[in-house]
Amino acid sequence: MSSCAEVSAPEPVFAEPWHAQVFALTVHLNEAGQFSWADWVQRFSATLKRHGLDRDLDGGEDYFRAWLETLESYLAEDGAVAPAEAEQMRKRWEEAYLTTPHGAPVHLSE
């Protein structure tokens, strides 16, 4: 008699696609020499502390919002992007997300 163990699909590493995208962008900028990983960790830790997130995070929404905030502020301080540009882009993405049917890819309008 053969027994088949139930095989379940692995859990996704990122809960949302944008979590993976902001993570990948940060890694890419680090690898391109935009900043050192040690500097990134210091800044991200400061963001978490400022928000009072002193507990272990599981990679959820609050964690990646802090991650994005850190990346945006870092790029603004570096002069790579103006805060107003980042805010405008955030609004465009929000509008695109809110007007995209569930399950469909989100695209920015031109």
PDB file of N, CA and C in Angstrom:
ATOM      1  N   MET A   1       0.849  -1.161   0.000  1.00  0.00           N
ATOM      2  CA  MET A   1       0.000   0.000   0.000  1.00  0.00           C
ATOM      3  C   MET A   1       0.900   1.231   0.000  1.00  0.00           C
ATOM      4  N   SER A   2       0.661   2.094  -0.955  1.00  0.00           N
ATOM      5  CA  SER A   2       1.474   3.304  -1.009  1.00  0.00           C
ATOM      6  C   SER A   2       0.717   4.441  -0.355  1.00  0.00           C
ATOM      7  N   SER A   3       1.479   5.258   0.311  1.00  0.00           N
ATOM      8  CA  SER A   3       0.828   6.407   0.928  1.00  0.00           C
ATOM      9  C   SER A   3       1.409   7.663   0.308  1.00  0.00           C
ATOM     10  N   CYS A   4       0.529   8.555   0.005  1.00  0.00           N
ATOM     11  CA  CYS A   4       0.957   9.833  -0.569  1.00  0.00           C
ATOM     12  C   CYS A   4       0.848  10.891   0.509  1.00  0.00           C
ATOM     13  N   ALA A   5       1.951  11.497   0.771  1.00  0.00           N
ATOM     14  CA  ALA A   5       1.926  12.604   1.723  1.00  0.00           C
ATOM     15  C   ALA A   5       1.316  13.810   1.020  1.00  0.00           C
ATOM     16  N   GLU A   6       0.514  14.521   1.749  1.00  0.00           N
ATOM     17  CA  GLU A   6      -0.088  15.708   1.169  1.00  0.00           C
ATOM     18  C   GLU A   6       0.990  16.774   0.995  1.00  0.00           C
ATOM     19  N   VAL A   7       1.095  17.270  -0.213  1.00  0.00           N
ATOM     20  CA  VAL A   7       2.090  18.293  -0.518  1.00  0.00           C
ATOM     21  C   VAL A   7       1.362  19.615  -0.686  1.00  0.00           C
ATOM     22  N   SER A   8       1.795  20.578   0.057  1.00  0.00           N
ATOM     23  CA  SER A   8       1.173  21.892  -0.073  1.00  0.00           C
ATOM     24  C   SER A   8       2.128  22.833  -0.787  1.00  0.00           C
ATOM     25  N   ALA A   9       1.542  23.798  -1.430  1.00  0.00           N
ATOM     26  CA  ALA A   9       2.338  24.794  -2.135  1.00  0.00           C
ATOM     27  C   ALA A   9       3.093  25.634  -1.122  1.00  0.00           C
ATOM     28  N   PRO A  10       4.300  26.048  -1.475  1.00  0.00           N
ATOM     29  CA  PRO A  10       5.051  26.905  -0.539  1.00  0.00           C
ATOM     30  C   PRO A  10       4.364  28.252  -0.364  1.00  0.00           C
ATOM     31  N   GLU A  11       4.525  28.809   0.810  1.00  0.00           N
ATOM     32  CA  GLU A  11       3.976  30.133   1.093  1.00  0.00           C
ATOM     33  C   GLU A  11       4.768  31.169   0.285  1.00  0.00           C
ATOM     34  N   PRO A  12       4.101  32.192  -0.210  1.00  0.00           N
ATOM     35  CA  PRO A  12       4.843  33.233  -0.932  1.00  0.00           C
ATOM     36  C   PRO A  12       5.790  33.960   0.021  1.00  0.00           C
ATOM     37  N   VAL A  13       6.919  34.374  -0.511  1.00  0.00           N
ATOM     38  CA  VAL A  13       7.905  35.092   0.291  1.00  0.00           C
ATOM     39  C   VAL A  13       7.399  36.494   0.614  1.00  0.00           C
ATOM     40  N   PHE A  14       6.731  37.114  -0.334  1.00  0.00           N
ATOM     41  CA  PHE A  14       6.194  38.463  -0.164  1.00  0.00           C
ATOM     42  C   PHE A  14       4.672  38.391  -0.226  1.00  0.00           C
ATOM     43  N   ALA A  15       4.017  39.098   0.675  1.00  0.00           N
ATOM     44  CA  ALA A  15       2.557  39.067   0.723  1.00  0.00           C
ATOM     45  C   ALA A  15       1.929  39.814  -0.449  1.00  0.00           C
ATOM     46  N   GLU A  16       2.592  40.844  -0.932  1.00  0.00           N
ATOM     47  CA  GLU A  16       2.066  41.668  -2.022  1.00  0.00           C
ATOM     48  C   GLU A  16       3.153  41.867  -3.072  1.00  0.00           C
ATOM     49  N   PRO A  17       2.773  41.987  -4.343  1.00  0.00           N
ATOM     50  CA  PRO A  17       3.781  42.220  -5.391  1.00  0.00           C
ATOM     51  C   PRO A  17       4.632  43.459  -5.150  1.00  0.00           C
ATOM     52  N   TRP A  18       4.026  44.534  -4.621  1.00  0.00           N
ATOM     53  CA  TRP A  18       4.810  45.754  -4.417  1.00  0.00           C
ATOM     54  C   TRP A  18       5.876  45.551  -3.354  1.00  0.00           C
ATOM     55  N   HIS A  19       5.664  44.643  -2.410  1.00  0.00           N
ATOM     56  CA  HIS A  19       6.692  44.345  -1.401  1.00  0.00           C
ATOM     57  C   HIS A  19       7.933  43.807  -2.110  1.00  0.00           C
ATOM     58  N   ALA A  20       7.729  42.874  -3.017  1.00  0.00           N
ATOM     59  CA  ALA A  20       8.852  42.297  -3.768  1.00  0.00           C
ATOM     60  C   ALA A  20       9.531  43.359  -4.631  1.00  0.00           C
ATOM     61  N   GLN A  21       8.731  44.233  -5.229  1.00  0.00           N
ATOM     62  CA  GLN A  21       9.294  45.248  -6.114  1.00  0.00           C
ATOM     63  C   GLN A  21      10.143  46.263  -5.368  1.00  0.00           C
ATOM     64  N   VAL A  22       9.664  46.743  -4.226  1.00  0.00           N
ATOM     65  CA  VAL A  22      10.447  47.730  -3.472  1.00  0.00           C
ATOM     66  C   VAL A  22      11.704  47.079  -2.893  1.00  0.00           C
ATOM     67  N   PHE A  23      11.602  45.827  -2.509  1.00  0.00           N
ATOM     68  CA  PHE A  23      12.783  45.100  -2.031  1.00  0.00           C
ATOM     69  C   PHE A  23      13.808  44.962  -3.157  1.00  0.00           C
ATOM     70  N   ALA A  24      13.343  44.520  -4.334  1.00  0.00           N
ATOM     71  CA  ALA A  24      14.251  44.333  -5.472  1.00  0.00           C
ATOM     72  C   ALA A  24      14.886  45.650  -5.903  1.00  0.00           C
ATOM     73  N   LEU A  25      14.117  46.721  -5.889  1.00  0.00           N
ATOM     74  CA  LEU A  25      14.655  48.031  -6.252  1.00  0.00           C
ATOM     75  C   LEU A  25      15.751  48.451  -5.282  1.00  0.00           C
ATOM     76  N   THR A  26      15.525  48.233  -4.003  1.00  0.00           N
ATOM     77  CA  THR A  26      16.521  48.584  -2.986  1.00  0.00           C
ATOM     78  C   THR A  26      17.797  47.780  -3.182  1.00  0.00           C
ATOM     79  N   VAL A  27      17.666  46.490  -3.414  1.00  0.00           N
ATOM     80  CA  VAL A  27      18.840  45.641  -3.645  1.00  0.00           C
ATOM     81  C   VAL A  27      19.580  46.105  -4.893  1.00  0.00           C
ATOM     82  N   HIS A  28      18.827  46.420  -5.940  1.00  0.00           N
ATOM     83  CA  HIS A  28      19.446  46.895  -7.187  1.00  0.00           C
ATOM     84  C   HIS A  28      20.231  48.192  -6.955  1.00  0.00           C
ATOM     85  N   LEU A  29      19.635  49.136  -6.240  1.00  0.00           N
ATOM     86  CA  LEU A  29      20.325  50.403  -5.975  1.00  0.00           C
ATOM     87  C   LEU A  29      21.584  50.182  -5.143  1.00  0.00           C
ATOM     88  N   ASN A  30      21.518  49.266  -4.202  1.00  0.00           N
ATOM     89  CA  ASN A  30      22.699  48.928  -3.408  1.00  0.00           C
ATOM     90  C   ASN A  30      23.785  48.326  -4.297  1.00  0.00           C
ATOM     91  N   GLU A  31      23.403  47.374  -5.127  1.00  0.00           N
ATOM     92  CA  GLU A  31      24.377  46.716  -6.013  1.00  0.00           C
ATOM     93  C   GLU A  31      24.949  47.675  -7.045  1.00  0.00           C
ATOM     94  N   ALA A  32      24.198  48.712  -7.403  1.00  0.00           N
ATOM     95  CA  ALA A  32      24.665  49.718  -8.352  1.00  0.00           C
ATOM     96  C   ALA A  32      25.545  50.771  -7.681  1.00  0.00           C
ATOM     97  N   GLY A  33      25.760  50.638  -6.368  1.00  0.00           N
ATOM     98  CA  GLY A  33      26.638  51.563  -5.659  1.00  0.00           C
ATOM     99  C   GLY A  33      25.963  52.825  -5.170  1.00  0.00           C
ATOM    100  N   GLN A  34      24.625  52.862  -5.186  1.00  0.00           N
ATOM    101  CA  GLN A  34      23.900  54.049  -4.742  1.00  0.00           C
ATOM    102  C   GLN A  34      24.077  54.277  -3.238  1.00  0.00           C
ATOM    103  N   PHE A  35      24.193  53.178  -2.483  1.00  0.00           N
ATOM    104  CA  PHE A  35      24.412  53.256  -1.042  1.00  0.00           C
ATOM    105  C   PHE A  35      24.945  51.917  -0.560  1.00  0.00           C
ATOM    106  N   SER A  36      25.585  51.935   0.610  1.00  0.00           N
ATOM    107  CA  SER A  36      26.084  50.681   1.193  1.00  0.00           C
ATOM    108  C   SER A  36      24.947  50.000   1.943  1.00  0.00           C
ATOM    109  N   TRP A  37      25.033  48.683   2.045  1.00  0.00           N
ATOM    110  CA  TRP A  37      23.988  47.953   2.757  1.00  0.00           C
ATOM    111  C   TRP A  37      23.998  48.319   4.239  1.00  0.00           C
ATOM    112  N   ALA A  38      25.182  48.538   4.797  1.00  0.00           N
ATOM    113  CA  ALA A  38      25.278  48.922   6.215  1.00  0.00           C
ATOM    114  C   ALA A  38      24.548  50.241   6.459  1.00  0.00           C
ATOM    115  N   ASP A  39      24.698  51.194   5.540  1.00  0.00           N
ATOM    116  CA  ASP A  39      23.999  52.475   5.674  1.00  0.00           C
ATOM    117  C   ASP A  39      22.488  52.260   5.557  1.00  0.00           C
ATOM    118  N   TRP A  40      22.079  51.409   4.613  1.00  0.00           N
ATOM    119  CA  TRP A  40      20.658  51.106   4.451  1.00  0.00           C
ATOM    120  C   TRP A  40      20.077  50.537   5.747  1.00  0.00           C
ATOM    121  N   VAL A  41      20.767  49.562   6.314  1.00  0.00           N
ATOM    122  CA  VAL A  41      20.288  48.914   7.538  1.00  0.00           C
ATOM    123  C   VAL A  41      20.151  49.932   8.663  1.00  0.00           C
ATOM    124  N   GLN A  42      21.120  50.818   8.787  1.00  0.00           N
ATOM    125  CA  GLN A  42      21.065  51.850   9.830  1.00  0.00           C
ATOM    126  C   GLN A  42      19.850  52.756   9.634  1.00  0.00           C
ATOM    127  N   ARG A  43      19.617  53.196   8.414  1.00  0.00           N
ATOM    128  CA  ARG A  43      18.488  54.082   8.136  1.00  0.00           C
ATOM    129  C   ARG A  43      17.149  53.367   8.320  1.00  0.00           C
ATOM    130  N   PHE A  44      17.071  52.126   7.843  1.00  0.00           N
ATOM    131  CA  PHE A  44      15.825  51.373   7.974  1.00  0.00           C
ATOM    132  C   PHE A  44      15.519  51.098   9.443  1.00  0.00           C
ATOM    133  N   SER A  45      16.542  50.773  10.203  1.00  0.00           N
ATOM    134  CA  SER A  45      16.359  50.547  11.645  1.00  0.00           C
ATOM    135  C   SER A  45      15.846  51.808  12.327  1.00  0.00           C
ATOM    136  N   ALA A  46      16.368  52.964  11.926  1.00  0.00           N
ATOM    137  CA  ALA A  46      15.912  54.231  12.500  1.00  0.00           C
ATOM    138  C   ALA A  46      14.448  54.483  12.156  1.00  0.00           C
ATOM    139  N   THR A  47      14.044  54.146  10.932  1.00  0.00           N
ATOM    140  CA  THR A  47      12.643  54.308  10.538  1.00  0.00           C
ATOM    141  C   THR A  47      11.753  53.417  11.388  1.00  0.00           C
ATOM    142  N   LEU A  48      12.143  52.168  11.562  1.00  0.00           N
ATOM    143  CA  LEU A  48      11.353  51.251  12.382  1.00  0.00           C
ATOM    144  C   LEU A  48      11.240  51.753  13.816  1.00  0.00           C
ATOM    145  N   LYS A  49      12.349  52.236  14.346  1.00  0.00           N
ATOM    146  CA  LYS A  49      12.349  52.743  15.721  1.00  0.00           C
ATOM    147  C   LYS A  49      11.457  53.972  15.841  1.00  0.00           C
ATOM    148  N   ARG A  50      11.545  54.858  14.845  1.00  0.00           N
ATOM    149  CA  ARG A  50      10.739  56.083  14.859  1.00  0.00           C
ATOM    150  C   ARG A  50       9.245  55.749  14.856  1.00  0.00           C
ATOM    151  N   HIS A  51       8.875  54.694  14.186  1.00  0.00           N
ATOM    152  CA  HIS A  51       7.470  54.284  14.132  1.00  0.00           C
ATOM    153  C   HIS A  51       7.071  53.409  15.312  1.00  0.00           C
ATOM    154  N   GLY A  52       8.020  53.129  16.189  1.00  0.00           N
ATOM    155  CA  GLY A  52       7.707  52.318  17.351  1.00  0.00           C
ATOM    156  C   GLY A  52       7.556  50.850  17.043  1.00  0.00           C
ATOM    157  N   LEU A  53       8.106  50.434  15.938  1.00  0.00           N
ATOM    158  CA  LEU A  53       7.999  49.024  15.559  1.00  0.00           C
ATOM    159  C   LEU A  53       9.170  48.258  16.166  1.00  0.00           C
ATOM    160  N   ASP A  54       9.106  48.072  17.469  1.00  0.00           N
ATOM    161  CA  ASP A  54      10.212  47.422  18.162  1.00  0.00           C
ATOM    162  C   ASP A  54       9.945  45.936  18.382  1.00  0.00           C
ATOM    163  N   ARG A  55       8.988  45.408  17.669  1.00  0.00           N
ATOM    164  CA  ARG A  55       8.699  43.977  17.769  1.00  0.00           C
ATOM    165  C   ARG A  55       9.201  43.289  16.507  1.00  0.00           C
ATOM    166  N   ASP A  56       9.278  41.982  16.536  1.00  0.00           N
ATOM    167  CA  ASP A  56       9.653  41.252  15.333  1.00  0.00           C
ATOM    168  C   ASP A  56       8.549  41.381  14.302  1.00  0.00           C
ATOM    169  N   LEU A  57       8.920  41.753  13.105  1.00  0.00           N
ATOM    170  CA  LEU A  57       7.938  41.897  12.037  1.00  0.00           C
ATOM    171  C   LEU A  57       8.018  40.682  11.123  1.00  0.00           C
ATOM    172  N   ASP A  58       6.913  40.346  10.521  1.00  0.00           N
ATOM    173  CA  ASP A  58       6.878  39.167   9.670  1.00  0.00           C
ATOM    174  C   ASP A  58       6.879  39.500   8.187  1.00  0.00           C
ATOM    175  N   GLY A  59       7.297  40.696   7.842  1.00  0.00           N
ATOM    176  CA  GLY A  59       7.320  41.085   6.434  1.00  0.00           C
ATOM    177  C   GLY A  59       5.975  41.585   5.948  1.00  0.00           C
ATOM    178  N   GLY A  60       5.151  42.051   6.863  1.00  0.00           N
ATOM    179  CA  GLY A  60       3.812  42.512   6.511  1.00  0.00           C
ATOM    180  C   GLY A  60       3.790  43.943   6.013  1.00  0.00           C
ATOM    181  N   GLU A  61       2.584  44.451   5.911  1.00  0.00           N
ATOM    182  CA  GLU A  61       2.340  45.774   5.352  1.00  0.00           C
ATOM    183  C   GLU A  61       3.107  46.874   6.087  1.00  0.00           C
ATOM    184  N   ASP A  62       3.088  46.862   7.426  1.00  0.00           N
ATOM    185  CA  ASP A  62       3.777  47.915   8.185  1.00  0.00           C
ATOM    186  C   ASP A  62       5.278  47.893   7.933  1.00  0.00           C
ATOM    187  N   TYR A  63       5.830  46.722   7.795  1.00  0.00           N
ATOM    188  CA  TYR A  63       7.254  46.558   7.537  1.00  0.00           C
ATOM    189  C   TYR A  63       7.633  47.174   6.186  1.00  0.00           C
ATOM    190  N   PHE A  64       6.857  46.860   5.148  1.00  0.00           N
ATOM    191  CA  PHE A  64       7.210  47.359   3.817  1.00  0.00           C
ATOM    192  C   PHE A  64       6.840  48.816   3.614  1.00  0.00           C
ATOM    193  N   ARG A  65       5.872  49.317   4.356  1.00  0.00           N
ATOM    194  CA  ARG A  65       5.623  50.762   4.311  1.00  0.00           C
ATOM    195  C   ARG A  65       6.817  51.512   4.912  1.00  0.00           C
ATOM    196  N   ALA A  66       7.377  50.977   5.988  1.00  0.00           N
ATOM    197  CA  ALA A  66       8.579  51.566   6.581  1.00  0.00           C
ATOM    198  C   ALA A  66       9.752  51.441   5.616  1.00  0.00           C
ATOM    199  N   TRP A  67       9.834  50.315   4.926  1.00  0.00           N
ATOM    200  CA  TRP A  67      10.901  50.092   3.939  1.00  0.00           C
ATOM    201  C   TRP A  67      10.806  51.149   2.837  1.00  0.00           C
ATOM    202  N   LEU A  68       9.601  51.341   2.298  1.00  0.00           N
ATOM    203  CA  LEU A  68       9.393  52.320   1.233  1.00  0.00           C
ATOM    204  C   LEU A  68       9.687  53.729   1.718  1.00  0.00           C
ATOM    205  N   GLU A  69       9.244  54.061   2.914  1.00  0.00           N
ATOM    206  CA  GLU A  69       9.519  55.381   3.482  1.00  0.00           C
ATOM    207  C   GLU A  69      11.025  55.623   3.568  1.00  0.00           C
ATOM    208  N   THR A  70      11.752  54.619   4.012  1.00  0.00           N
ATOM    209  CA  THR A  70      13.209  54.747   4.123  1.00  0.00           C
ATOM    210  C   THR A  70      13.842  54.964   2.758  1.00  0.00           C
ATOM    211  N   LEU A  71      13.408  54.196   1.772  1.00  0.00           N
ATOM    212  CA  LEU A  71      13.964  54.335   0.423  1.00  0.00           C
ATOM    213  C   LEU A  71      13.649  55.713  -0.151  1.00  0.00           C
ATOM    214  N   GLU A  72      12.418  56.154  -0.005  1.00  0.00           N
ATOM    215  CA  GLU A  72      12.045  57.478  -0.523  1.00  0.00           C
ATOM    216  C   GLU A  72      12.853  58.591   0.143  1.00  0.00           C
ATOM    217  N   SER A  73      12.995  58.528   1.461  1.00  0.00           N
ATOM    218  CA  SER A  73      13.747  59.576   2.148  1.00  0.00           C
ATOM    219  C   SER A  73      15.221  59.527   1.776  1.00  0.00           C
ATOM    220  N   TYR A  74      15.756  58.337   1.620  1.00  0.00           N
ATOM    221  CA  TYR A  74      17.158  58.196   1.225  1.00  0.00           C
ATOM    222  C   TYR A  74      17.384  58.816  -0.149  1.00  0.00           C
ATOM    223  N   LEU A  75      16.524  58.501  -1.096  1.00  0.00           N
ATOM    224  CA  LEU A  75      16.676  59.044  -2.447  1.00  0.00           C
ATOM    225  C   LEU A  75      16.468  60.556  -2.469  1.00  0.00           C
ATOM    226  N   ALA A  76      15.577  61.060  -1.623  1.00  0.00           N
ATOM    227  CA  ALA A  76      15.366  62.505  -1.549  1.00  0.00           C
ATOM    228  C   ALA A  76      16.600  63.204  -0.976  1.00  0.00           C
ATOM    229  N   GLU A  77      17.164  62.648   0.090  1.00  0.00           N
ATOM    230  CA  GLU A  77      18.363  63.231   0.697  1.00  0.00           C
ATOM    231  C   GLU A  77      19.536  63.199  -0.261  1.00  0.00           C
ATOM    232  N   ASP A  78      19.605  62.152  -1.064  1.00  0.00           N
ATOM    233  CA  ASP A  78      20.690  61.983  -2.029  1.00  0.00           C
ATOM    234  C   ASP A  78      20.499  62.885  -3.250  1.00  0.00           C
ATOM    235  N   GLY A  79      19.309  63.455  -3.390  1.00  0.00           N
ATOM    236  CA  GLY A  79      19.023  64.301  -4.540  1.00  0.00           C
ATOM    237  C   GLY A  79      18.588  63.525  -5.768  1.00  0.00           C
ATOM    238  N   ALA A  80      18.396  62.215  -5.625  1.00  0.00           N
ATOM    239  CA  ALA A  80      18.002  61.386  -6.761  1.00  0.00           C
ATOM    240  C   ALA A  80      16.545  61.623  -7.157  1.00  0.00           C
ATOM    241  N   VAL A  81      15.722  62.009  -6.192  1.00  0.00           N
ATOM    242  CA  VAL A  81      14.313  62.281  -6.478  1.00  0.00           C
ATOM    243  C   VAL A  81      13.819  63.322  -5.481  1.00  0.00           C
ATOM    244  N   ALA A  82      13.065  64.270  -5.985  1.00  0.00           N
ATOM    245  CA  ALA A  82      12.502  65.300  -5.116  1.00  0.00           C
ATOM    246  C   ALA A  82      11.302  64.728  -4.369  1.00  0.00           C
ATOM    247  N   PRO A  83      11.111  65.139  -3.113  1.00  0.00           N
ATOM    248  CA  PRO A  83       9.949  64.646  -2.358  1.00  0.00           C
ATOM    249  C   PRO A  83       8.624  64.857  -3.091  1.00  0.00           C
ATOM    250  N   ALA A  84       8.481  65.981  -3.790  1.00  0.00           N
ATOM    251  CA  ALA A  84       7.237  66.243  -4.527  1.00  0.00           C
ATOM    252  C   ALA A  84       7.048  65.227  -5.650  1.00  0.00           C
ATOM    253  N   GLU A  85       8.150  64.851  -6.316  1.00  0.00           N
ATOM    254  CA  GLU A  85       8.067  63.829  -7.368  1.00  0.00           C
ATOM    255  C   GLU A  85       7.640  62.489  -6.797  1.00  0.00           C
ATOM    256  N   ALA A  86       8.202  62.123  -5.660  1.00  0.00           N
ATOM    257  CA  ALA A  86       7.847  60.857  -5.019  1.00  0.00           C
ATOM    258  C   ALA A  86       6.371  60.860  -4.634  1.00  0.00           C
ATOM    259  N   GLU A  87       5.880  61.966  -4.109  1.00  0.00           N
ATOM    260  CA  GLU A  87       4.475  62.062  -3.731  1.00  0.00           C
ATOM    261  C   GLU A  87       3.573  61.978  -4.954  1.00  0.00           C
ATOM    262  N   GLN A  88       3.947  62.647  -6.026  1.00  0.00           N
ATOM    263  CA  GLN A  88       3.158  62.593  -7.253  1.00  0.00           C
ATOM    264  C   GLN A  88       3.107  61.162  -7.798  1.00  0.00           C
ATOM    265  N   MET A  89       4.238  60.473  -7.789  1.00  0.00           N
ATOM    266  CA  MET A  89       4.275  59.104  -8.275  1.00  0.00           C
ATOM    267  C   MET A  89       3.443  58.195  -7.381  1.00  0.00           C
ATOM    268  N   ARG A  90       3.503  58.409  -6.081  1.00  0.00           N
ATOM    269  CA  ARG A  90       2.692  57.607  -5.155  1.00  0.00           C
ATOM    270  C   ARG A  90       1.209  57.788  -5.465  1.00  0.00           C
ATOM    271  N   LYS A  91       0.797  59.022  -5.723  1.00  0.00           N
ATOM    272  CA  LYS A  91      -0.607  59.291  -6.050  1.00  0.00           C
ATOM    273  C   LYS A  91      -1.006  58.618  -7.363  1.00  0.00           C
ATOM    274  N   ARG A  92      -0.119  58.645  -8.348  1.00  0.00           N
ATOM    275  CA  ARG A  92      -0.412  57.986  -9.631  1.00  0.00           C
ATOM    276  C   ARG A  92      -0.591  56.485  -9.436  1.00  0.00           C
ATOM    277  N   TRP A  93       0.294  55.873  -8.638  1.00  0.00           N
ATOM    278  CA  TRP A  93       0.178  54.434  -8.375  1.00  0.00           C
ATOM    279  C   TRP A  93      -1.099  54.128  -7.603  1.00  0.00           C
ATOM    280  N   GLU A  94      -1.427  54.968  -6.638  1.00  0.00           N
ATOM    281  CA  GLU A  94      -2.640  54.745  -5.863  1.00  0.00           C
ATOM    282  C   GLU A  94      -3.863  54.810  -6.764  1.00  0.00           C
ATOM    283  N   GLU A  95      -3.922  55.810  -7.638  1.00  0.00           N
ATOM    284  CA  GLU A  95      -5.042  55.940  -8.569  1.00  0.00           C
ATOM    285  C   GLU A  95      -5.111  54.723  -9.496  1.00  0.00           C
ATOM    286  N   ALA A  96      -3.964  54.300  -9.998  1.00  0.00           N
ATOM    287  CA  ALA A  96      -3.941  53.127 -10.880  1.00  0.00           C
ATOM    288  C   ALA A  96      -4.395  51.874 -10.145  1.00  0.00           C
ATOM    289  N   TYR A  97      -3.944  51.719  -8.916  1.00  0.00           N
ATOM    290  CA  TYR A  97      -4.320  50.549  -8.120  1.00  0.00           C
ATOM    291  C   TYR A  97      -5.819  50.537  -7.840  1.00  0.00           C
ATOM    292  N   LEU A  98      -6.357  51.681  -7.462  1.00  0.00           N
ATOM    293  CA  LEU A  98      -7.773  51.760  -7.098  1.00  0.00           C
ATOM    294  C   LEU A  98      -8.712  51.602  -8.291  1.00  0.00           C
ATOM    295  N   THR A  99      -8.231  51.870  -9.489  1.00  0.00           N
ATOM    296  CA  THR A  99      -9.081  51.765 -10.672  1.00  0.00           C
ATOM    297  C   THR A  99      -8.825  50.500 -11.487  1.00  0.00           C
ATOM    298  N   THR A 100      -7.959  49.629 -11.006  1.00  0.00           N
ATOM    299  CA  THR A 100      -7.662  48.385 -11.708  1.00  0.00           C
ATOM    300  C   THR A 100      -8.547  47.267 -11.162  1.00  0.00           C
ATOM    301  N   PRO A 101      -9.192  46.511 -12.041  1.00  0.00           N
ATOM    302  CA  PRO A 101     -10.013  45.393 -11.571  1.00  0.00           C
ATOM    303  C   PRO A 101      -9.170  44.387 -10.790  1.00  0.00           C
ATOM    304  N   HIS A 102      -9.795  43.784  -9.782  1.00  0.00           N
ATOM    305  CA  HIS A 102      -9.110  42.799  -8.942  1.00  0.00           C
ATOM    306  C   HIS A 102      -8.491  41.704  -9.809  1.00  0.00           C
ATOM    307  N   GLY A 103      -7.233  41.413  -9.543  1.00  0.00           N
ATOM    308  CA  GLY A 103      -6.531  40.349 -10.238  1.00  0.00           C
ATOM    309  C   GLY A 103      -5.841  40.775 -11.508  1.00  0.00           C
ATOM    310  N   ALA A 104      -6.155  41.958 -12.002  1.00  0.00           N
ATOM    311  CA  ALA A 104      -5.523  42.456 -13.236  1.00  0.00           C
ATOM    312  C   ALA A 104      -4.228  43.178 -12.872  1.00  0.00           C
ATOM    313  N   PRO A 105      -3.256  43.169 -13.775  1.00  0.00           N
ATOM    314  CA  PRO A 105      -2.015  43.909 -13.515  1.00  0.00           C
ATOM    315  C   PRO A 105      -2.282  45.408 -13.420  1.00  0.00           C
ATOM    316  N   VAL A 106      -1.565  46.065 -12.550  1.00  0.00           N
ATOM    317  CA  VAL A 106      -1.692  47.513 -12.373  1.00  0.00           C
ATOM    318  C   VAL A 106      -0.706  48.202 -13.305  1.00  0.00           C
ATOM    319  N   HIS A 107      -1.207  49.155 -14.071  1.00  0.00           N
ATOM    320  CA  HIS A 107      -0.354  49.924 -14.998  1.00  0.00           C
ATOM    321  C   HIS A 107      -0.580  51.407 -14.767  1.00  0.00           C
ATOM    322  N   LEU A 108       0.494  52.172 -14.837  1.00  0.00           N
ATOM    323  CA  LEU A 108       0.380  53.629 -14.747  1.00  0.00           C
ATOM    324  C   LEU A 108      -0.079  54.176 -16.079  1.00  0.00           C
ATOM    325  N   SER A 109      -0.957  55.171 -16.043  1.00  0.00           N
ATOM    326  CA  SER A 109      -1.350  55.832 -17.273  1.00  0.00           C
ATOM    327  C   SER A 109      -0.248  56.823 -17.636  1.00  0.00           C
ATOM    328  N   GLU A 110      -0.162  57.114 -18.887  1.00  0.00           N
ATOM    329  CA  GLU A 110       0.881  58.048 -19.367  1.00  0.00           C
ATOM    330  C   GLU A 110       0.537  59.465 -19.051  1.00  0.00           C
TER     331      GLU A 110
END
